[in-house]
Amino acid sequence: MPTFYVPRVREQHYDAFHRVLKDDVPQTHAQWRDRQLRQEVQLSSGWESPVKLIEVEIDPDEFARYCDRTNSNYTIETLYRLATEKASAKKND
């Protein structure tokens, strides 16, 4: 079963993410959650076998440190990469 890691952003942190990600994310946290749910359905329907989606909580400070450490731009792709790397590191502990 393929496993995909998706960033979970708490509502109280959403404005901070929205300020740095700008056009990469919707205006509100509710729209963010709706978009994630639609993406999860699309992703799940693209595989013959079931897909396991795991949310990984990311906070704004952690994201900023990750971008600085990896010399990455503040993008939605970087946010998803951090979620994947964080989950993979936890799995290997």
C-alpha atoms as a PDB file:
ATOM      1  CA  MET A   1       0.000   0.000   0.000  1.00  0.00           C
ATOM      2  CA  PRO A   2       1.570   3.313  -1.055  1.00  0.00           C
ATOM      3  CA  THR A   3       1.999   5.828   1.773  1.00  0.00           C
ATOM      4  CA  PHE A   4       1.929   9.580   1.284  1.00  0.00           C
ATOM      5  CA  TYR A   5       2.668  12.215   3.907  1.00  0.00           C
ATOM      6  CA  VAL A   6       0.738  15.470   3.877  1.00  0.00           C
ATOM      7  CA  PRO A   7       1.378  18.545   6.006  1.00  0.00           C
ATOM      8  CA  ARG A   8      -1.091  19.287   8.771  1.00  0.00           C
ATOM      9  CA  VAL A   9      -1.262  22.975   9.611  1.00  0.00           C
ATOM     10  CA  ARG A  10      -3.147  23.992  12.734  1.00  0.00           C
ATOM     11  CA  GLU A  11      -5.732  26.708  12.295  1.00  0.00           C
ATOM     12  CA  GLN A  12      -3.935  29.051  14.700  1.00  0.00           C
ATOM     13  CA  HIS A  13      -0.767  28.772  12.563  1.00  0.00           C
ATOM     14  CA  TYR A  14      -2.442  29.162   9.197  1.00  0.00           C
ATOM     15  CA  ASP A  15      -1.997  32.944   8.868  1.00  0.00           C
ATOM     16  CA  ALA A  16       1.766  32.584   9.338  1.00  0.00           C
ATOM     17  CA  PHE A  17       1.912  29.978   6.565  1.00  0.00           C
ATOM     18  CA  HIS A  18      -0.337  32.068   4.342  1.00  0.00           C
ATOM     19  CA  ARG A  19       1.976  35.096   4.693  1.00  0.00           C
ATOM     20  CA  VAL A  20       5.023  33.171   3.448  1.00  0.00           C
ATOM     21  CA  LEU A  21       3.350  30.831   0.943  1.00  0.00           C
ATOM     22  CA  LYS A  22       1.036  33.513  -0.481  1.00  0.00           C
ATOM     23  CA  ASP A  23      -0.514  32.260  -3.727  1.00  0.00           C
ATOM     24  CA  ASP A  24       0.448  28.629  -3.035  1.00  0.00           C
ATOM     25  CA  VAL A  25      -2.313  28.301  -0.425  1.00  0.00           C
ATOM     26  CA  PRO A  26      -5.937  29.441  -0.167  1.00  0.00           C
ATOM     27  CA  GLN A  27      -7.014  32.478   1.875  1.00  0.00           C
ATOM     28  CA  THR A  28      -8.486  30.557   4.830  1.00  0.00           C
ATOM     29  CA  HIS A  29      -7.712  27.445   6.840  1.00  0.00           C
ATOM     30  CA  ALA A  30     -11.140  26.012   5.977  1.00  0.00           C
ATOM     31  CA  GLN A  31     -10.334  26.346   2.269  1.00  0.00           C
ATOM     32  CA  TRP A  32      -6.939  24.712   2.912  1.00  0.00           C
ATOM     33  CA  ARG A  33      -8.609  21.712   4.591  1.00  0.00           C
ATOM     34  CA  ASP A  34     -11.178  21.423   1.783  1.00  0.00           C
ATOM     35  CA  ARG A  35      -8.418  21.505  -0.832  1.00  0.00           C
ATOM     36  CA  GLN A  36      -6.426  18.853   1.038  1.00  0.00           C
ATOM     37  CA  LEU A  37      -9.464  16.577   1.243  1.00  0.00           C
ATOM     38  CA  ARG A  38     -10.070  16.939  -2.518  1.00  0.00           C
ATOM     39  CA  GLN A  39      -6.401  16.195  -3.225  1.00  0.00           C
ATOM     40  CA  GLU A  40      -6.530  13.131  -1.003  1.00  0.00           C
ATOM     41  CA  VAL A  41      -9.567  11.798  -2.872  1.00  0.00           C
ATOM     42  CA  GLN A  42      -7.859  12.448  -6.226  1.00  0.00           C
ATOM     43  CA  LEU A  43      -4.658  10.800  -5.043  1.00  0.00           C
ATOM     44  CA  SER A  44      -6.504   7.763  -3.699  1.00  0.00           C
ATOM     45  CA  SER A  45      -8.450   7.299  -6.923  1.00  0.00           C
ATOM     46  CA  GLY A  46      -5.242   7.254  -8.976  1.00  0.00           C
ATOM     47  CA  TRP A  47      -4.052   3.931  -7.522  1.00  0.00           C
ATOM     48  CA  GLU A  48      -5.353   0.416  -8.003  1.00  0.00           C
ATOM     49  CA  SER A  49      -4.623  -0.478  -4.387  1.00  0.00           C
ATOM     50  CA  PRO A  50      -5.612   1.516  -1.296  1.00  0.00           C
ATOM     51  CA  VAL A  51      -3.462   4.505  -0.431  1.00  0.00           C
ATOM     52  CA  LYS A  52      -2.396   5.414   3.084  1.00  0.00           C
ATOM     53  CA  LEU A  53      -2.335   9.153   3.773  1.00  0.00           C
ATOM     54  CA  ILE A  54      -0.634  10.308   6.959  1.00  0.00           C
ATOM     55  CA  GLU A  55      -0.875  13.864   8.209  1.00  0.00           C
ATOM     56  CA  VAL A  56       2.309  15.305   9.676  1.00  0.00           C
ATOM     57  CA  GLU A  57       1.981  18.390  11.828  1.00  0.00           C
ATOM     58  CA  ILE A  58       4.223  21.253  10.790  1.00  0.00           C
ATOM     59  CA  ASP A  59       4.472  24.565  12.615  1.00  0.00           C
ATOM     60  CA  PRO A  60       5.665  27.843  11.067  1.00  0.00           C
ATOM     61  CA  ASP A  61       8.961  28.018  12.991  1.00  0.00           C
ATOM     62  CA  GLU A  62       9.833  24.462  12.022  1.00  0.00           C
ATOM     63  CA  PHE A  63       9.108  25.268   8.380  1.00  0.00           C
ATOM     64  CA  ALA A  64      11.285  28.402   8.487  1.00  0.00           C
ATOM     65  CA  ARG A  65      14.175  26.477  10.085  1.00  0.00           C
ATOM     66  CA  TYR A  66      13.856  23.738   7.468  1.00  0.00           C
ATOM     67  CA  CYS A  67      13.893  26.263   4.596  1.00  0.00           C
ATOM     68  CA  ASP A  68      16.948  27.984   6.062  1.00  0.00           C
ATOM     69  CA  ARG A  69      18.782  24.719   6.752  1.00  0.00           C
ATOM     70  CA  THR A  70      18.126  23.281   3.301  1.00  0.00           C
ATOM     71  CA  ASN A  71      18.418  26.603   1.481  1.00  0.00           C
ATOM     72  CA  SER A  72      14.917  26.015   0.092  1.00  0.00           C
ATOM     73  CA  ASN A  73      12.342  28.509  -1.085  1.00  0.00           C
ATOM     74  CA  TYR A  74       9.142  28.949   0.884  1.00  0.00           C
ATOM     75  CA  THR A  75       6.855  26.915  -1.393  1.00  0.00           C
ATOM     76  CA  ILE A  76       4.091  24.393  -1.014  1.00  0.00           C
ATOM     77  CA  GLU A  77       6.418  21.759  -2.467  1.00  0.00           C
ATOM     78  CA  THR A  78       8.937  22.469   0.295  1.00  0.00           C
ATOM     79  CA  LEU A  79       6.175  22.141   2.897  1.00  0.00           C
ATOM     80  CA  TYR A  80       5.213  18.704   1.540  1.00  0.00           C
ATOM     81  CA  ARG A  81       8.878  17.674   1.374  1.00  0.00           C
ATOM     82  CA  LEU A  82       9.311  18.622   5.035  1.00  0.00           C
ATOM     83  CA  ALA A  83       6.263  16.531   5.969  1.00  0.00           C
ATOM     84  CA  THR A  84       7.708  13.533   4.155  1.00  0.00           C
ATOM     85  CA  GLU A  85      11.186  13.934   5.643  1.00  0.00           C
ATOM     86  CA  LYS A  86       9.823  14.472   9.159  1.00  0.00           C
ATOM     87  CA  ALA A  87       7.651  11.361   8.954  1.00  0.00           C
ATOM     88  CA  SER A  88      10.460   9.282   7.461  1.00  0.00           C
ATOM     89  CA  ALA A  89      12.859  10.371  10.222  1.00  0.00           C
ATOM     90  CA  LYS A  90      10.292   9.485  12.890  1.00  0.00           C
ATOM     91  CA  LYS A  91       9.722   6.104  11.273  1.00  0.00           C
ATOM     92  CA  ASN A  92      13.431   5.348  11.424  1.00  0.00           C
ATOM     93  CA  ASP A  93      13.741   6.260  15.134  1.00  0.00           C
END
